[in-house]
């Protein structure tokens, strides 16, 4: 059976899972479930009614990190996590940081206000956006700049899950009109360009454009 992913790919969490599937060469179909409008019975797959969720035969999983770790363990031919225990721990940390801190700063306080709300016919709270950019974004970018390599990706020469998680969040920030200042954060800005240039992200961004009029 072909795996099924539940969720809208404009969500950075759903994008994480979709990019992982595509990089691993796994077939899947997408059921475009969106938050707040989940179908009846969805809680049987995702008890908190959150996206993404995954069905792989009899396996039903929710939460992007749980899903991606499952995919790594069950379909290991294309590795998206390091095998070295220290690097793997670092990878998990970066993914956790992306799913919590970055998600709050780039999605809740920026993308949701400037992109999602207008799509839903709601008014953007620009005051909230500016407060987020002023109070929360600088420390986030300073941390990102401090851990960036001069070349390649976070944990080596290959794009891995840590990069996918971070890149997914800042792609959404870009859709909301925000990109890191390359003069102030040169390592991070250059890193994001490498992430976005990867074929896996180029494909996703091309698909995103159909929904947010970026073509």
N, C-alpha and C. Protein backbone atom coordinates (compact mmCIF):
# COMPACT_ATOMS: atom_id res chain seq x y z
N UNK A 1 0.83 -1.20 0.00
CA UNK A 1 0.00 0.00 0.00
C UNK A 1 0.87 1.25 0.00
N UNK A 2 0.42 2.29 -0.72
CA UNK A 2 1.12 3.56 -0.73
C UNK A 2 0.83 4.29 0.57
N UNK A 3 1.86 4.87 1.15
CA UNK A 3 1.68 5.63 2.37
C UNK A 3 0.79 6.85 2.11
N UNK A 4 0.10 7.27 3.16
CA UNK A 4 -0.74 8.46 3.06
C UNK A 4 -0.29 9.48 4.10
N UNK A 5 -0.09 10.71 3.66
CA UNK A 5 0.25 11.81 4.55
C UNK A 5 -0.97 12.72 4.66
N UNK A 6 -1.34 13.04 5.88
CA UNK A 6 -2.44 13.96 6.12
C UNK A 6 -1.87 15.32 6.50
N UNK A 7 -2.27 16.36 5.74
CA UNK A 7 -1.83 17.70 6.07
C UNK A 7 -1.59 18.55 4.84
N UNK A 8 -1.53 19.85 5.05
CA UNK A 8 -1.27 20.81 3.98
C UNK A 8 0.22 21.09 3.91
N UNK A 9 0.81 21.00 2.73
CA UNK A 9 2.26 21.12 2.62
C UNK A 9 2.79 22.53 2.86
N UNK A 10 1.91 23.52 2.95
CA UNK A 10 2.37 24.85 3.35
C UNK A 10 2.75 24.87 4.82
N UNK A 11 2.34 23.87 5.58
CA UNK A 11 2.78 23.75 6.96
C UNK A 11 4.23 23.29 6.99
N UNK A 12 5.11 23.97 7.75
CA UNK A 12 6.50 23.52 7.80
C UNK A 12 6.65 22.12 8.36
N UNK A 13 5.75 21.73 9.26
CA UNK A 13 5.82 20.38 9.83
C UNK A 13 5.45 19.32 8.79
N UNK A 14 4.45 19.61 8.00
CA UNK A 14 4.07 18.67 6.93
C UNK A 14 5.17 18.64 5.87
N UNK A 15 5.71 19.80 5.55
CA UNK A 15 6.79 19.86 4.55
C UNK A 15 7.97 18.99 4.97
N UNK A 16 8.30 18.99 6.26
CA UNK A 16 9.36 18.13 6.77
C UNK A 16 9.14 16.68 6.34
N UNK A 17 7.95 16.19 6.57
CA UNK A 17 7.64 14.79 6.28
C UNK A 17 7.67 14.53 4.78
N UNK A 18 7.10 15.43 4.01
CA UNK A 18 7.04 15.25 2.56
C UNK A 18 8.44 15.26 1.96
N UNK A 19 9.28 16.19 2.40
CA UNK A 19 10.66 16.23 1.89
C UNK A 19 11.39 14.95 2.26
N UNK A 20 11.19 14.47 3.48
CA UNK A 20 11.84 13.21 3.89
C UNK A 20 11.40 12.05 3.00
N UNK A 21 10.12 11.96 2.74
CA UNK A 21 9.60 10.90 1.88
C UNK A 21 10.19 10.99 0.47
N UNK A 22 10.24 12.20 -0.06
CA UNK A 22 10.74 12.37 -1.43
C UNK A 22 12.23 12.11 -1.52
N UNK A 23 12.99 12.53 -0.51
CA UNK A 23 14.43 12.26 -0.53
C UNK A 23 14.72 10.77 -0.39
N UNK A 24 13.85 10.05 0.31
CA UNK A 24 14.03 8.61 0.46
C UNK A 24 13.45 7.83 -0.72
N UNK A 25 12.81 8.54 -1.65
CA UNK A 25 12.26 7.88 -2.82
C UNK A 25 11.05 7.03 -2.54
N UNK A 26 10.28 7.40 -1.51
CA UNK A 26 9.11 6.61 -1.11
C UNK A 26 7.84 7.19 -1.72
N UNK A 27 6.98 6.32 -2.20
CA UNK A 27 5.71 6.76 -2.76
C UNK A 27 4.73 7.13 -1.65
N UNK A 28 3.96 8.17 -1.89
CA UNK A 28 2.96 8.56 -0.91
C UNK A 28 1.85 9.32 -1.63
N UNK A 29 0.72 9.42 -0.97
CA UNK A 29 -0.34 10.30 -1.45
C UNK A 29 -0.67 11.27 -0.34
N UNK A 30 -1.09 12.44 -0.73
CA UNK A 30 -1.36 13.51 0.24
C UNK A 30 -2.85 13.73 0.38
N UNK A 31 -3.32 13.72 1.61
CA UNK A 31 -4.69 14.09 1.92
C UNK A 31 -4.61 15.47 2.58
N UNK A 32 -5.06 16.53 1.88
CA UNK A 32 -4.80 17.90 2.34
C UNK A 32 -5.67 18.34 3.52
N UNK A 33 -5.50 17.65 4.63
CA UNK A 33 -6.21 18.02 5.86
C UNK A 33 -5.61 19.31 6.40
N UNK A 34 -6.45 20.21 6.86
CA UNK A 34 -5.96 21.45 7.46
C UNK A 34 -6.45 21.53 8.90
N UNK A 35 -5.68 22.19 9.77
CA UNK A 35 -6.10 22.33 11.17
C UNK A 35 -7.45 23.04 11.28
N UNK A 36 -8.16 22.73 12.31
CA UNK A 36 -9.48 23.32 12.62
C UNK A 36 -10.59 22.80 11.72
N UNK A 37 -10.25 22.04 10.65
CA UNK A 37 -11.27 21.50 9.76
C UNK A 37 -10.94 20.03 9.47
N UNK A 38 -10.58 19.29 10.49
CA UNK A 38 -10.19 17.91 10.30
C UNK A 38 -11.42 17.04 10.07
N UNK A 39 -11.30 15.99 9.27
CA UNK A 39 -12.46 15.14 8.97
C UNK A 39 -12.88 14.31 10.18
N UNK A 40 -14.08 13.84 10.15
CA UNK A 40 -14.59 13.01 11.23
C UNK A 40 -13.75 11.75 11.37
N UNK A 41 -13.39 11.43 12.58
CA UNK A 41 -12.58 10.24 12.84
C UNK A 41 -11.09 10.47 12.74
N UNK A 42 -10.66 11.70 12.44
CA UNK A 42 -9.23 11.97 12.27
C UNK A 42 -8.45 11.71 13.55
N UNK A 43 -9.12 11.85 14.70
CA UNK A 43 -8.43 11.65 15.98
C UNK A 43 -7.97 10.21 16.16
N UNK A 44 -8.50 9.28 15.36
CA UNK A 44 -8.04 7.90 15.44
C UNK A 44 -6.63 7.76 14.87
N UNK A 45 -6.27 8.69 13.99
CA UNK A 45 -4.92 8.70 13.41
C UNK A 45 -4.03 9.68 14.16
N UNK A 46 -4.58 10.86 14.44
CA UNK A 46 -3.86 11.90 15.15
C UNK A 46 -4.68 12.30 16.37
N UNK A 47 -4.39 11.73 17.53
CA UNK A 47 -5.23 11.95 18.71
C UNK A 47 -5.42 13.42 19.09
N UNK A 48 -4.44 14.28 18.79
CA UNK A 48 -4.56 15.70 19.09
C UNK A 48 -5.13 16.49 17.91
N UNK A 49 -5.51 15.78 16.85
CA UNK A 49 -6.07 16.38 15.64
C UNK A 49 -5.11 17.40 15.00
N UNK A 50 -3.82 17.12 15.10
CA UNK A 50 -2.81 17.98 14.50
C UNK A 50 -2.23 17.34 13.26
N UNK A 51 -1.70 18.18 12.40
CA UNK A 51 -1.00 17.69 11.22
C UNK A 51 0.50 17.90 11.42
N UNK A 52 1.31 17.02 10.80
CA UNK A 52 0.96 15.93 9.90
C UNK A 52 0.61 14.65 10.66
N UNK A 53 0.00 13.75 9.91
CA UNK A 53 -0.21 12.38 10.36
C UNK A 53 0.15 11.47 9.19
N UNK A 54 0.46 10.23 9.51
CA UNK A 54 0.91 9.28 8.48
C UNK A 54 0.24 7.94 8.67
N UNK A 55 -0.16 7.33 7.57
CA UNK A 55 -0.60 5.94 7.55
C UNK A 55 0.34 5.16 6.64
N UNK A 56 0.92 4.12 7.17
CA UNK A 56 1.77 3.23 6.39
C UNK A 56 1.30 1.81 6.66
N UNK A 57 0.33 1.36 5.86
CA UNK A 57 -0.29 0.07 6.13
C UNK A 57 -1.05 0.13 7.44
N UNK A 58 -0.70 -0.74 8.36
CA UNK A 58 -1.37 -0.76 9.67
C UNK A 58 -0.80 0.28 10.64
N UNK A 59 0.30 0.91 10.26
CA UNK A 59 0.96 1.88 11.13
C UNK A 59 0.29 3.24 10.97
N UNK A 60 -0.09 3.84 12.10
CA UNK A 60 -0.68 5.17 12.10
C UNK A 60 0.09 6.02 13.10
N UNK A 61 0.63 7.15 12.62
CA UNK A 61 1.48 7.99 13.45
C UNK A 61 1.12 9.46 13.30
N UNK A 62 1.35 10.21 14.37
CA UNK A 62 1.22 11.66 14.33
C UNK A 62 2.51 12.27 14.88
N UNK A 63 2.71 13.57 14.60
CA UNK A 63 3.87 14.35 15.01
C UNK A 63 5.00 14.16 14.00
N UNK A 64 5.48 15.30 13.48
CA UNK A 64 6.45 15.26 12.37
C UNK A 64 7.74 14.55 12.76
N UNK A 65 8.23 14.79 13.96
CA UNK A 65 9.49 14.16 14.38
C UNK A 65 9.33 12.66 14.54
N UNK A 66 8.24 12.24 15.17
CA UNK A 66 7.99 10.80 15.32
C UNK A 66 7.89 10.14 13.95
N UNK A 67 7.19 10.79 13.03
CA UNK A 67 7.04 10.23 11.68
C UNK A 67 8.39 10.12 10.98
N UNK A 68 9.19 11.18 11.05
CA UNK A 68 10.48 11.17 10.35
C UNK A 68 11.45 10.15 10.95
N UNK A 69 11.42 9.98 12.27
CA UNK A 69 12.27 8.96 12.88
C UNK A 69 11.79 7.56 12.49
N UNK A 70 10.49 7.38 12.39
CA UNK A 70 9.95 6.10 11.92
C UNK A 70 10.42 5.82 10.49
N UNK A 71 10.31 6.81 9.62
CA UNK A 71 10.74 6.63 8.24
C UNK A 71 12.23 6.29 8.16
N UNK A 72 13.02 6.92 9.03
CA UNK A 72 14.46 6.65 9.04
C UNK A 72 14.74 5.21 9.48
N UNK A 73 14.03 4.76 10.49
CA UNK A 73 14.26 3.41 11.01
C UNK A 73 13.75 2.33 10.05
N UNK A 74 12.62 2.58 9.43
CA UNK A 74 12.01 1.54 8.58
C UNK A 74 12.56 1.56 7.16
N UNK A 75 12.95 2.75 6.69
CA UNK A 75 13.44 2.88 5.31
C UNK A 75 14.80 3.58 5.34
N UNK A 76 15.85 2.86 5.79
CA UNK A 76 17.14 3.49 6.08
C UNK A 76 18.08 3.68 4.88
N UNK A 77 17.66 3.25 3.69
CA UNK A 77 18.60 3.27 2.56
C UNK A 77 19.15 4.67 2.27
N UNK A 78 18.30 5.69 2.35
CA UNK A 78 18.76 7.07 2.24
C UNK A 78 18.69 7.68 3.63
N UNK A 79 19.85 7.88 4.24
CA UNK A 79 19.90 8.33 5.63
C UNK A 79 19.69 9.83 5.74
N UNK A 80 18.81 10.22 6.65
CA UNK A 80 18.57 11.64 6.91
C UNK A 80 18.98 12.05 8.32
N UNK A 81 19.48 11.10 9.09
CA UNK A 81 20.05 11.37 10.40
C UNK A 81 21.46 10.76 10.42
N UNK A 82 22.40 11.39 11.12
CA UNK A 82 23.75 10.80 11.22
C UNK A 82 23.71 9.51 12.03
N UNK A 83 24.69 8.67 11.82
CA UNK A 83 24.80 7.45 12.61
C UNK A 83 25.69 7.66 13.85
N UNK A 84 26.63 8.58 13.76
CA UNK A 84 27.47 8.90 14.91
C UNK A 84 26.59 9.41 16.06
N UNK A 85 26.71 8.86 17.27
CA UNK A 85 25.80 9.23 18.35
C UNK A 85 25.85 10.70 18.74
N UNK A 86 27.02 11.31 18.67
CA UNK A 86 27.11 12.73 19.02
C UNK A 86 26.42 13.58 17.96
N UNK A 87 26.69 13.29 16.70
CA UNK A 87 26.05 14.05 15.63
C UNK A 87 24.55 13.80 15.59
N UNK A 88 24.15 12.58 15.91
CA UNK A 88 22.72 12.28 15.92
C UNK A 88 22.02 13.06 17.03
N UNK A 89 22.68 13.18 18.18
CA UNK A 89 22.11 13.98 19.27
C UNK A 89 21.99 15.44 18.85
N UNK A 90 23.01 15.95 18.17
CA UNK A 90 22.95 17.33 17.67
C UNK A 90 21.82 17.49 16.67
N UNK A 91 21.64 16.51 15.81
CA UNK A 91 20.57 16.56 14.81
C UNK A 91 19.21 16.64 15.49
N UNK A 92 19.02 15.85 16.53
CA UNK A 92 17.76 15.86 17.25
C UNK A 92 17.53 17.21 17.94
N UNK A 93 18.63 17.78 18.46
CA UNK A 93 18.49 19.09 19.10
C UNK A 93 18.05 20.15 18.09
N UNK A 94 18.71 20.20 16.95
CA UNK A 94 18.36 21.21 15.94
C UNK A 94 16.91 21.02 15.46
N UNK A 95 16.50 19.77 15.33
CA UNK A 95 15.12 19.52 14.90
C UNK A 95 14.14 19.99 15.98
N UNK A 96 14.47 19.72 17.24
CA UNK A 96 13.61 20.17 18.34
C UNK A 96 13.55 21.70 18.39
N UNK A 97 14.68 22.35 18.21
CA UNK A 97 14.73 23.82 18.21
C UNK A 97 13.86 24.37 17.08
N UNK A 98 13.97 23.74 15.93
CA UNK A 98 13.16 24.19 14.78
C UNK A 98 11.68 24.01 15.05
N UNK A 99 11.32 22.88 15.65
CA UNK A 99 9.90 22.57 15.85
C UNK A 99 9.26 23.37 16.98
N UNK A 100 10.07 23.98 17.83
CA UNK A 100 9.54 24.74 18.96
C UNK A 100 9.82 26.22 18.78
N UNK A 101 11.06 26.62 18.95
CA UNK A 101 11.42 28.05 18.90
C UNK A 101 11.17 28.63 17.51
N UNK A 102 11.73 28.00 16.48
CA UNK A 102 11.57 28.55 15.13
C UNK A 102 10.11 28.54 14.69
N UNK A 103 9.41 27.48 15.03
CA UNK A 103 7.99 27.40 14.66
C UNK A 103 7.21 28.57 15.25
N UNK A 104 7.49 28.90 16.49
CA UNK A 104 6.78 30.00 17.15
C UNK A 104 7.12 31.34 16.52
N UNK A 105 8.41 31.55 16.23
CA UNK A 105 8.85 32.85 15.72
C UNK A 105 8.49 33.04 14.25
N UNK A 106 8.73 32.03 13.44
CA UNK A 106 8.54 32.19 12.00
C UNK A 106 7.12 31.88 11.55
N UNK A 107 6.43 30.99 12.26
CA UNK A 107 5.09 30.58 11.83
C UNK A 107 4.00 31.31 12.59
N UNK A 108 3.95 31.10 13.89
CA UNK A 108 2.86 31.68 14.69
C UNK A 108 2.89 33.20 14.69
N UNK A 109 4.08 33.77 14.81
CA UNK A 109 4.17 35.22 14.93
C UNK A 109 4.42 35.95 13.63
N UNK A 110 4.46 35.23 12.51
CA UNK A 110 4.79 35.87 11.24
C UNK A 110 3.98 35.31 10.08
N UNK A 111 4.23 34.06 9.72
CA UNK A 111 3.56 33.44 8.58
C UNK A 111 2.05 33.36 8.78
N UNK A 112 1.62 32.95 9.96
CA UNK A 112 0.19 32.83 10.22
C UNK A 112 -0.49 34.19 10.07
N UNK A 113 0.15 35.22 10.57
CA UNK A 113 -0.46 36.55 10.52
C UNK A 113 -0.50 37.11 9.10
N UNK A 114 0.61 36.98 8.37
CA UNK A 114 0.71 37.65 7.07
C UNK A 114 0.22 36.82 5.89
N UNK A 115 0.19 35.51 6.05
CA UNK A 115 -0.19 34.65 4.92
C UNK A 115 -1.47 33.89 5.19
N UNK A 116 -1.52 33.18 6.31
CA UNK A 116 -2.68 32.32 6.58
C UNK A 116 -3.93 33.14 6.83
N UNK A 117 -3.84 34.14 7.65
CA UNK A 117 -5.02 34.95 7.95
C UNK A 117 -5.65 35.56 6.70
N UNK A 118 -4.87 36.20 5.81
CA UNK A 118 -5.48 36.72 4.58
C UNK A 118 -6.13 35.64 3.73
N UNK A 119 -5.52 34.45 3.69
CA UNK A 119 -6.12 33.35 2.92
C UNK A 119 -7.47 32.94 3.51
N UNK A 120 -7.62 33.15 4.81
CA UNK A 120 -8.88 32.80 5.49
C UNK A 120 -9.84 33.98 5.58
N UNK A 121 -9.45 35.09 4.96
CA UNK A 121 -10.31 36.27 5.00
C UNK A 121 -10.24 37.03 6.30
N UNK A 122 -9.16 36.83 7.07
CA UNK A 122 -8.98 37.50 8.35
C UNK A 122 -7.95 38.62 8.21
N UNK A 123 -7.98 39.54 9.14
CA UNK A 123 -7.08 40.69 9.09
C UNK A 123 -5.77 40.39 9.82
N UNK A 124 -4.66 40.74 9.21
CA UNK A 124 -3.35 40.57 9.82
C UNK A 124 -3.18 41.52 10.99
N UNK A 125 -2.64 41.01 12.08
CA UNK A 125 -2.28 41.85 13.22
C UNK A 125 -0.82 42.25 13.05
N UNK A 126 -0.58 43.31 12.30
CA UNK A 126 0.79 43.71 11.99
C UNK A 126 1.54 44.17 13.24
N UNK A 127 0.81 44.68 14.20
CA UNK A 127 1.46 45.08 15.46
C UNK A 127 2.08 43.86 16.14
N UNK A 128 1.36 42.74 16.11
CA UNK A 128 1.89 41.50 16.66
C UNK A 128 3.11 41.02 15.88
N UNK A 129 3.05 41.15 14.56
CA UNK A 129 4.18 40.76 13.72
C UNK A 129 5.42 41.58 14.07
N UNK A 130 5.27 42.89 14.15
CA UNK A 130 6.41 43.76 14.42
C UNK A 130 6.99 43.50 15.81
N UNK A 131 6.14 43.24 16.78
CA UNK A 131 6.62 42.91 18.12
C UNK A 131 7.42 41.62 18.10
N UNK A 132 6.95 40.63 17.37
CA UNK A 132 7.66 39.36 17.24
C UNK A 132 9.02 39.57 16.57
N UNK A 133 9.04 40.35 15.49
CA UNK A 133 10.29 40.61 14.78
C UNK A 133 11.27 41.39 15.65
N UNK A 134 10.75 42.24 16.49
CA UNK A 134 11.59 43.06 17.36
C UNK A 134 12.08 42.31 18.60
N UNK A 135 11.18 41.54 19.22
CA UNK A 135 11.50 40.93 20.51
C UNK A 135 12.05 39.51 20.41
N UNK A 136 11.64 38.76 19.39
CA UNK A 136 11.98 37.34 19.33
C UNK A 136 12.94 36.96 18.21
N UNK A 137 12.80 37.60 17.06
CA UNK A 137 13.60 37.18 15.92
C UNK A 137 15.11 37.41 16.09
N UNK A 138 15.56 38.55 16.64
CA UNK A 138 17.00 38.78 16.72
C UNK A 138 17.78 37.70 17.47
N UNK A 139 17.30 37.29 18.64
CA UNK A 139 18.02 36.26 19.40
C UNK A 139 18.03 34.93 18.66
N UNK A 140 16.95 34.65 17.95
CA UNK A 140 16.87 33.42 17.15
C UNK A 140 17.91 33.44 16.04
N UNK A 141 18.00 34.55 15.34
CA UNK A 141 18.96 34.66 14.24
C UNK A 141 20.40 34.65 14.75
N UNK A 142 20.62 35.26 15.91
CA UNK A 142 21.96 35.26 16.49
C UNK A 142 22.41 33.84 16.82
N UNK A 143 21.48 33.05 17.35
CA UNK A 143 21.83 31.66 17.64
C UNK A 143 22.09 30.89 16.36
N UNK A 144 21.24 31.06 15.37
CA UNK A 144 21.44 30.37 14.10
C UNK A 144 22.80 30.74 13.49
N UNK A 145 23.13 32.00 13.52
CA UNK A 145 24.42 32.45 12.97
C UNK A 145 25.59 31.79 13.71
N UNK A 146 25.44 31.60 15.02
CA UNK A 146 26.53 31.07 15.84
C UNK A 146 26.83 29.60 15.58
N UNK A 147 25.88 28.86 15.02
CA UNK A 147 26.08 27.42 14.82
C UNK A 147 26.27 27.05 13.35
N UNK A 148 26.25 28.04 12.47
CA UNK A 148 26.32 27.74 11.04
C UNK A 148 27.74 27.45 10.57
N UNK A 149 27.88 26.44 9.69
CA UNK A 149 29.17 26.20 9.05
C UNK A 149 29.39 27.19 7.89
N UNK A 150 30.62 27.33 7.48
CA UNK A 150 30.90 28.22 6.36
C UNK A 150 30.48 27.60 5.03
N UNK A 151 30.47 26.27 4.98
CA UNK A 151 30.09 25.55 3.76
C UNK A 151 29.24 24.35 4.12
N UNK A 152 28.58 23.80 3.11
CA UNK A 152 27.80 22.59 3.32
C UNK A 152 26.57 22.83 4.18
N UNK A 153 26.21 21.78 4.94
CA UNK A 153 25.02 21.85 5.75
C UNK A 153 25.39 21.68 7.22
N UNK A 154 24.41 21.64 8.09
CA UNK A 154 24.69 21.69 9.52
C UNK A 154 25.60 20.56 10.01
N UNK A 155 25.38 19.37 9.50
CA UNK A 155 26.10 18.21 10.03
C UNK A 155 26.93 17.49 8.98
N UNK A 156 27.30 18.22 7.94
CA UNK A 156 28.12 17.61 6.89
C UNK A 156 27.79 18.16 5.53
N UNK A 157 28.14 17.41 4.51
CA UNK A 157 27.96 17.88 3.14
C UNK A 157 26.58 17.57 2.57
N UNK A 158 25.81 16.74 3.25
CA UNK A 158 24.51 16.34 2.74
C UNK A 158 23.38 17.02 3.51
N UNK A 159 22.31 17.34 2.80
CA UNK A 159 21.10 17.85 3.45
C UNK A 159 20.49 16.75 4.29
N UNK A 160 20.25 17.05 5.57
CA UNK A 160 19.68 16.05 6.47
C UNK A 160 18.49 16.64 7.21
N UNK A 161 17.93 15.86 8.13
CA UNK A 161 16.68 16.27 8.75
C UNK A 161 16.81 17.57 9.53
N UNK A 162 17.94 17.82 10.15
CA UNK A 162 18.13 19.08 10.86
C UNK A 162 17.97 20.26 9.91
N UNK A 163 18.55 20.13 8.73
CA UNK A 163 18.45 21.20 7.72
C UNK A 163 17.02 21.32 7.19
N UNK A 164 16.38 20.19 7.01
CA UNK A 164 15.00 20.20 6.51
C UNK A 164 14.08 20.92 7.49
N UNK A 165 14.26 20.65 8.78
CA UNK A 165 13.42 21.27 9.80
C UNK A 165 13.64 22.78 9.86
N UNK A 166 14.89 23.20 9.87
CA UNK A 166 15.19 24.63 9.92
C UNK A 166 14.77 25.32 8.64
N UNK A 167 15.12 24.74 7.51
CA UNK A 167 14.78 25.34 6.23
C UNK A 167 13.29 25.49 6.03
N UNK A 168 12.52 24.50 6.45
CA UNK A 168 11.06 24.56 6.28
C UNK A 168 10.47 25.77 6.97
N UNK A 169 10.96 26.07 8.17
CA UNK A 169 10.43 27.22 8.91
C UNK A 169 10.80 28.54 8.23
N UNK A 170 12.02 28.66 7.75
CA UNK A 170 12.42 29.93 7.16
C UNK A 170 11.91 30.10 5.73
N UNK A 171 11.55 29.02 5.08
CA UNK A 171 10.83 29.16 3.81
C UNK A 171 9.50 29.86 4.06
N UNK A 172 8.80 29.47 5.13
CA UNK A 172 7.54 30.12 5.45
C UNK A 172 7.75 31.58 5.85
N UNK A 173 8.83 31.85 6.55
CA UNK A 173 9.14 33.24 6.88
C UNK A 173 9.33 34.06 5.61
N UNK A 174 10.00 33.46 4.63
CA UNK A 174 10.18 34.15 3.35
C UNK A 174 8.87 34.42 2.65
N UNK A 175 7.94 33.48 2.72
CA UNK A 175 6.61 33.70 2.13
C UNK A 175 5.89 34.87 2.80
N UNK A 176 6.25 35.11 4.06
CA UNK A 176 5.64 36.22 4.81
C UNK A 176 6.44 37.52 4.66
N UNK A 177 7.42 37.51 3.76
CA UNK A 177 8.16 38.73 3.48
C UNK A 177 9.37 38.97 4.35
N UNK A 178 9.87 37.92 5.03
CA UNK A 178 11.03 38.10 5.90
C UNK A 178 12.14 37.15 5.50
N UNK A 179 13.33 37.71 5.31
CA UNK A 179 14.55 36.93 5.11
C UNK A 179 15.65 37.53 5.98
N UNK A 180 16.53 36.70 6.53
CA UNK A 180 17.62 37.22 7.35
C UNK A 180 18.49 38.20 6.58
N UNK A 181 18.93 39.24 7.25
CA UNK A 181 19.82 40.24 6.66
C UNK A 181 21.18 39.61 6.42
N UNK A 182 21.58 39.50 5.16
CA UNK A 182 22.84 38.84 4.82
C UNK A 182 24.05 39.59 5.34
N UNK A 183 23.93 40.90 5.53
CA UNK A 183 25.04 41.68 6.06
C UNK A 183 25.23 41.41 7.55
N UNK A 184 24.13 41.22 8.25
CA UNK A 184 24.19 41.00 9.70
C UNK A 184 24.37 39.53 10.06
N UNK A 185 23.81 38.65 9.24
CA UNK A 185 23.86 37.20 9.50
C UNK A 185 24.37 36.48 8.25
N UNK A 186 25.62 36.72 7.86
CA UNK A 186 26.10 36.20 6.58
C UNK A 186 26.15 34.69 6.49
N UNK A 187 26.57 34.02 7.56
CA UNK A 187 26.66 32.56 7.51
C UNK A 187 25.28 31.92 7.39
N UNK A 188 24.34 32.44 8.17
CA UNK A 188 23.00 31.86 8.14
C UNK A 188 22.29 32.16 6.84
N UNK A 189 22.44 33.37 6.34
CA UNK A 189 21.80 33.72 5.07
C UNK A 189 22.33 32.86 3.93
N UNK A 190 23.64 32.63 3.91
CA UNK A 190 24.24 31.80 2.86
C UNK A 190 23.79 30.35 3.01
N UNK A 191 23.71 29.89 4.25
CA UNK A 191 23.24 28.52 4.51
C UNK A 191 21.81 28.34 4.01
N UNK A 192 20.94 29.29 4.29
CA UNK A 192 19.55 29.18 3.84
C UNK A 192 19.46 29.14 2.31
N UNK A 193 20.32 29.87 1.66
CA UNK A 193 20.33 29.83 0.19
C UNK A 193 20.71 28.44 -0.31
N UNK A 194 21.66 27.80 0.37
CA UNK A 194 22.04 26.43 -0.02
C UNK A 194 20.89 25.46 0.22
N UNK A 195 20.21 25.61 1.34
CA UNK A 195 19.08 24.74 1.65
C UNK A 195 17.97 24.91 0.62
N UNK A 196 17.62 26.16 0.34
CA UNK A 196 16.53 26.42 -0.60
C UNK A 196 16.88 25.99 -2.03
N UNK A 197 18.17 25.97 -2.35
CA UNK A 197 18.59 25.56 -3.70
C UNK A 197 18.58 24.05 -3.89
N UNK A 198 18.45 23.30 -2.81
CA UNK A 198 18.44 21.83 -2.93
C UNK A 198 17.21 21.40 -3.74
N UNK A 199 17.37 20.43 -4.63
CA UNK A 199 16.24 19.99 -5.47
C UNK A 199 14.98 19.62 -4.68
N UNK A 200 15.14 19.03 -3.50
CA UNK A 200 13.97 18.64 -2.72
C UNK A 200 13.15 19.86 -2.31
N UNK A 201 13.82 20.94 -1.95
CA UNK A 201 13.11 22.15 -1.57
C UNK A 201 12.63 22.93 -2.78
N UNK A 202 13.38 22.88 -3.86
CA UNK A 202 12.93 23.56 -5.08
C UNK A 202 11.60 22.99 -5.54
N UNK A 203 11.45 21.68 -5.47
CA UNK A 203 10.19 21.04 -5.85
C UNK A 203 9.06 21.48 -4.93
N UNK A 204 9.32 21.48 -3.64
CA UNK A 204 8.27 21.88 -2.69
C UNK A 204 7.87 23.33 -2.87
N UNK A 205 8.83 24.21 -3.08
CA UNK A 205 8.53 25.63 -3.23
C UNK A 205 7.76 25.89 -4.52
N UNK A 206 8.04 25.11 -5.55
CA UNK A 206 7.28 25.23 -6.78
C UNK A 206 5.83 24.85 -6.56
N UNK A 207 5.60 23.80 -5.76
CA UNK A 207 4.24 23.39 -5.43
C UNK A 207 3.56 24.42 -4.54
N UNK A 208 4.31 24.97 -3.59
CA UNK A 208 3.75 26.00 -2.70
C UNK A 208 3.25 27.20 -3.49
N UNK A 209 3.99 27.54 -4.53
CA UNK A 209 3.66 28.74 -5.31
C UNK A 209 2.26 28.71 -5.89
N UNK A 210 1.75 27.51 -6.12
CA UNK A 210 0.41 27.37 -6.67
C UNK A 210 -0.66 27.89 -5.70
N UNK A 211 -0.30 27.89 -4.41
CA UNK A 211 -1.27 28.28 -3.39
C UNK A 211 -1.09 29.68 -2.87
N UNK A 212 0.12 30.20 -2.99
CA UNK A 212 0.36 31.52 -2.41
C UNK A 212 0.77 32.56 -3.45
N UNK A 213 0.50 32.24 -4.71
CA UNK A 213 0.69 33.22 -5.80
C UNK A 213 2.12 33.75 -5.87
N UNK A 214 3.07 32.83 -5.76
CA UNK A 214 4.48 33.21 -5.84
C UNK A 214 5.09 32.92 -7.20
N UNK A 215 4.33 32.36 -8.10
CA UNK A 215 4.88 32.02 -9.41
C UNK A 215 5.02 33.28 -10.26
